[in-house]
N, C-alpha and C. Protein backbone atom coordinates (compact mmCIF):
# COMPACT_ATOMS: atom_id res chain seq x y z
N UNK A 1 -2.80 -4.43 11.99
CA UNK A 1 -1.53 -4.03 11.43
C UNK A 1 -1.69 -2.75 10.59
N UNK A 2 -2.37 -2.84 9.45
CA UNK A 2 -2.60 -1.66 8.63
C UNK A 2 -3.96 -1.07 8.95
N UNK A 3 -4.04 0.25 8.92
CA UNK A 3 -5.30 0.96 9.16
C UNK A 3 -5.62 1.81 7.94
N UNK A 4 -6.85 2.27 7.86
CA UNK A 4 -7.26 3.12 6.74
C UNK A 4 -6.37 4.36 6.66
N UNK A 5 -5.99 4.71 5.46
CA UNK A 5 -5.18 5.87 5.10
C UNK A 5 -3.70 5.73 5.42
N UNK A 6 -3.27 4.57 5.92
CA UNK A 6 -1.83 4.32 6.05
C UNK A 6 -1.24 4.25 4.64
N UNK A 7 0.03 4.62 4.51
CA UNK A 7 0.73 4.48 3.24
C UNK A 7 1.60 3.24 3.33
N UNK A 8 1.49 2.38 2.32
CA UNK A 8 2.25 1.15 2.28
C UNK A 8 3.04 1.08 0.98
N UNK A 9 4.05 0.21 0.95
CA UNK A 9 4.78 -0.01 -0.30
C UNK A 9 4.83 -1.50 -0.58
N UNK A 10 4.93 -1.80 -1.87
CA UNK A 10 5.01 -3.20 -2.30
C UNK A 10 6.40 -3.75 -2.01
N UNK A 11 6.44 -4.94 -1.46
CA UNK A 11 7.70 -5.61 -1.19
C UNK A 11 8.27 -6.23 -2.47
N UNK A 12 7.37 -6.66 -3.36
CA UNK A 12 7.80 -7.26 -4.63
C UNK A 12 6.84 -6.82 -5.73
N UNK A 13 7.31 -6.87 -6.95
CA UNK A 13 6.49 -6.47 -8.10
C UNK A 13 5.27 -7.38 -8.22
N UNK A 14 4.20 -6.84 -8.80
CA UNK A 14 2.98 -7.61 -8.97
C UNK A 14 2.25 -7.15 -10.22
N UNK A 15 1.57 -8.07 -10.85
CA UNK A 15 0.68 -7.74 -11.96
C UNK A 15 -0.73 -7.98 -11.45
N UNK A 16 -1.56 -6.93 -11.49
CA UNK A 16 -2.91 -7.01 -10.96
C UNK A 16 -3.91 -6.66 -12.06
N UNK A 17 -5.14 -7.06 -11.86
CA UNK A 17 -6.18 -6.69 -12.81
C UNK A 17 -7.07 -5.65 -12.15
N UNK A 18 -7.26 -4.55 -12.86
CA UNK A 18 -8.12 -3.47 -12.36
C UNK A 18 -8.81 -2.80 -13.53
N UNK A 19 -10.08 -2.58 -13.38
CA UNK A 19 -10.87 -1.90 -14.40
C UNK A 19 -10.73 -2.57 -15.77
N UNK A 20 -10.67 -3.92 -15.75
CA UNK A 20 -10.60 -4.68 -16.99
C UNK A 20 -9.24 -4.72 -17.66
N UNK A 21 -8.22 -4.20 -17.01
CA UNK A 21 -6.87 -4.18 -17.59
C UNK A 21 -5.86 -4.77 -16.62
N UNK A 22 -4.77 -5.29 -17.18
CA UNK A 22 -3.66 -5.75 -16.35
C UNK A 22 -2.74 -4.57 -16.10
N UNK A 23 -2.37 -4.40 -14.84
CA UNK A 23 -1.52 -3.28 -14.44
C UNK A 23 -0.28 -3.84 -13.76
N UNK A 24 0.90 -3.39 -14.20
CA UNK A 24 2.16 -3.81 -13.57
C UNK A 24 2.51 -2.83 -12.46
N UNK A 25 2.68 -3.35 -11.27
CA UNK A 25 3.11 -2.56 -10.12
C UNK A 25 4.54 -2.98 -9.78
N UNK A 26 5.40 -2.02 -9.53
CA UNK A 26 6.81 -2.32 -9.27
C UNK A 26 7.08 -2.41 -7.77
N UNK A 27 8.10 -3.15 -7.42
CA UNK A 27 8.52 -3.23 -6.03
C UNK A 27 8.88 -1.84 -5.54
N UNK A 28 8.43 -1.48 -4.37
CA UNK A 28 8.69 -0.16 -3.82
C UNK A 28 7.60 0.85 -4.11
N UNK A 29 6.69 0.51 -5.01
CA UNK A 29 5.58 1.42 -5.34
C UNK A 29 4.69 1.59 -4.12
N UNK A 30 4.28 2.83 -3.87
CA UNK A 30 3.46 3.10 -2.69
C UNK A 30 2.00 3.25 -3.04
N UNK A 31 1.17 3.00 -2.03
CA UNK A 31 -0.27 3.14 -2.18
C UNK A 31 -0.88 3.47 -0.83
N UNK A 32 -2.16 3.83 -0.86
CA UNK A 32 -2.89 4.20 0.35
C UNK A 32 -3.91 3.12 0.68
N UNK A 33 -3.92 2.69 1.92
CA UNK A 33 -4.89 1.70 2.38
C UNK A 33 -6.26 2.37 2.47
N UNK A 34 -7.23 1.83 1.73
CA UNK A 34 -8.59 2.38 1.76
C UNK A 34 -9.50 1.58 2.68
N UNK A 35 -9.18 0.31 2.86
CA UNK A 35 -9.97 -0.55 3.74
C UNK A 35 -9.01 -1.59 4.31
N UNK A 36 -8.97 -1.70 5.64
CA UNK A 36 -8.02 -2.62 6.25
C UNK A 36 -8.36 -4.08 6.01
N UNK A 37 -9.52 -4.36 5.45
CA UNK A 37 -9.87 -5.69 4.99
C UNK A 37 -9.95 -6.73 6.08
N UNK A 38 -9.48 -7.93 5.73
CA UNK A 38 -9.52 -9.04 6.68
C UNK A 38 -8.10 -9.33 7.17
N UNK A 39 -7.91 -10.50 7.73
CA UNK A 39 -6.59 -10.83 8.28
C UNK A 39 -5.52 -10.98 7.21
N UNK A 40 -5.92 -11.32 5.99
CA UNK A 40 -4.93 -11.62 4.95
C UNK A 40 -4.76 -10.53 3.90
N UNK A 41 -5.81 -9.74 3.63
CA UNK A 41 -5.73 -8.75 2.55
C UNK A 41 -6.27 -7.40 2.99
N UNK A 42 -5.92 -6.37 2.22
CA UNK A 42 -6.49 -5.04 2.42
C UNK A 42 -6.61 -4.35 1.05
N UNK A 43 -7.54 -3.41 0.95
CA UNK A 43 -7.76 -2.68 -0.29
C UNK A 43 -6.80 -1.50 -0.35
N UNK A 44 -6.02 -1.44 -1.44
CA UNK A 44 -4.99 -0.40 -1.58
C UNK A 44 -5.21 0.35 -2.89
N UNK A 45 -5.10 1.67 -2.83
CA UNK A 45 -5.18 2.53 -4.01
C UNK A 45 -3.77 2.93 -4.41
N UNK A 46 -3.35 2.51 -5.59
CA UNK A 46 -2.05 2.89 -6.14
C UNK A 46 -2.29 3.99 -7.16
N UNK A 47 -1.53 5.08 -7.07
CA UNK A 47 -1.73 6.22 -7.97
C UNK A 47 -0.43 6.57 -8.68
N UNK A 48 -0.57 7.29 -9.80
CA UNK A 48 0.62 7.76 -10.52
C UNK A 48 1.09 9.08 -9.91
N UNK A 49 2.09 9.69 -10.50
CA UNK A 49 2.65 10.93 -9.96
C UNK A 49 1.67 12.11 -10.01
N UNK A 50 0.64 12.00 -10.83
CA UNK A 50 -0.37 13.05 -10.93
C UNK A 50 -1.55 12.81 -9.97
N UNK A 51 -1.46 11.75 -9.17
CA UNK A 51 -2.51 11.44 -8.21
C UNK A 51 -3.69 10.68 -8.79
N UNK A 52 -3.55 10.24 -10.05
CA UNK A 52 -4.61 9.46 -10.69
C UNK A 52 -4.46 7.99 -10.34
N UNK A 53 -5.56 7.36 -9.97
CA UNK A 53 -5.52 5.94 -9.61
C UNK A 53 -5.13 5.10 -10.82
N UNK A 54 -4.12 4.24 -10.62
CA UNK A 54 -3.74 3.31 -11.67
C UNK A 54 -4.23 1.90 -11.34
N UNK A 55 -4.48 1.63 -10.07
CA UNK A 55 -5.05 0.35 -9.64
C UNK A 55 -5.58 0.50 -8.23
N UNK A 56 -6.76 -0.05 -8.01
CA UNK A 56 -7.35 -0.10 -6.68
C UNK A 56 -7.71 -1.56 -6.46
N UNK A 57 -6.87 -2.25 -5.70
CA UNK A 57 -6.99 -3.70 -5.60
C UNK A 57 -6.78 -4.20 -4.18
N UNK A 58 -7.33 -5.37 -3.95
CA UNK A 58 -7.11 -6.06 -2.69
C UNK A 58 -5.76 -6.75 -2.78
N UNK A 59 -4.88 -6.46 -1.84
CA UNK A 59 -3.52 -7.00 -1.86
C UNK A 59 -3.26 -7.84 -0.61
N UNK A 60 -2.48 -8.91 -0.75
CA UNK A 60 -2.08 -9.68 0.43
C UNK A 60 -1.24 -8.80 1.36
N UNK A 61 -1.55 -8.81 2.63
CA UNK A 61 -0.80 -7.99 3.58
C UNK A 61 0.67 -8.38 3.64
N UNK A 62 0.97 -9.63 3.33
CA UNK A 62 2.36 -10.09 3.36
C UNK A 62 3.20 -9.47 2.24
N UNK A 63 2.56 -8.89 1.23
CA UNK A 63 3.31 -8.26 0.14
C UNK A 63 3.44 -6.75 0.32
N UNK A 64 3.02 -6.26 1.50
CA UNK A 64 3.05 -4.82 1.77
C UNK A 64 3.89 -4.52 3.00
N UNK A 65 4.47 -3.33 2.99
CA UNK A 65 5.25 -2.85 4.13
C UNK A 65 4.77 -1.45 4.48
N UNK A 66 4.60 -1.18 5.76
CA UNK A 66 4.13 0.13 6.22
C UNK A 66 5.20 1.20 6.02
N UNK A 67 4.79 2.35 5.45
CA UNK A 67 5.70 3.45 5.20
C UNK A 67 5.33 4.66 6.08
N UNK A 68 4.02 4.93 6.17
CA UNK A 68 3.55 6.11 6.90
C UNK A 68 2.28 5.73 7.65
N UNK A 69 2.24 6.01 8.95
CA UNK A 69 1.09 5.68 9.81
C UNK A 69 0.19 6.90 9.90
N UNK A 70 -1.01 6.80 9.35
CA UNK A 70 -1.93 7.94 9.29
C UNK A 70 -2.37 8.40 10.68
N UNK A 71 -2.64 7.47 11.58
CA UNK A 71 -3.16 7.85 12.89
C UNK A 71 -2.19 8.68 13.71
N UNK A 72 -0.89 8.45 13.52
CA UNK A 72 0.12 9.20 14.27
C UNK A 72 0.85 10.23 13.40
N UNK A 73 0.54 10.20 12.09
CA UNK A 73 1.19 11.10 11.13
C UNK A 73 2.71 11.02 11.20
N UNK A 74 3.20 9.78 11.23
CA UNK A 74 4.64 9.57 11.31
C UNK A 74 5.09 8.56 10.26
N UNK A 75 6.32 8.73 9.78
CA UNK A 75 6.92 7.77 8.89
C UNK A 75 7.44 6.60 9.70
N UNK A 76 7.50 5.45 9.09
CA UNK A 76 7.95 4.24 9.76
C UNK A 76 9.25 3.80 9.13
N UNK A 77 10.24 3.56 9.96
CA UNK A 77 11.53 3.05 9.48
C UNK A 77 11.45 1.53 9.57
N UNK A 78 11.30 0.89 8.44
CA UNK A 78 11.11 -0.57 8.42
C UNK A 78 12.34 -1.32 8.93
N UNK A 79 13.49 -0.69 8.88
CA UNK A 79 14.71 -1.36 9.35
C UNK A 79 14.71 -1.51 10.85
N UNK A 80 14.11 -0.55 11.56
CA UNK A 80 14.13 -0.63 13.02
C UNK A 80 12.75 -0.91 13.60
N UNK A 81 11.70 -0.91 12.72
CA UNK A 81 10.32 -1.13 13.15
C UNK A 81 9.83 -0.06 14.12
N UNK A 82 10.47 1.11 14.12
CA UNK A 82 10.06 2.22 14.97
C UNK A 82 9.62 3.37 14.09
N UNK A 83 8.79 4.27 14.65
CA UNK A 83 8.35 5.41 13.87
C UNK A 83 9.32 6.56 14.03
N UNK A 84 9.41 7.38 13.00
CA UNK A 84 10.27 8.56 13.03
C UNK A 84 9.43 9.77 12.68
N UNK A 85 9.66 10.87 13.35
CA UNK A 85 8.88 12.10 13.10
C UNK A 85 9.29 12.78 11.85
């Protein structure tokens, strides 16, 4: 489903622990898949507007939605499940 460097967004808000701190992630926040992981989770890097990592965590794939497919360099319209250029 998700591949390395795909851009995903959170379906719902989450509080995660990263670097010894609790970080609040909001619904709709985007991140980059760094490792496609296993069947249930993948490693995602969430960054602020300056490109600084605010959390790099393993997230359940069910809480993520594909936004941009790196391999085809196309945005994904989640409403139609088709890619758009």
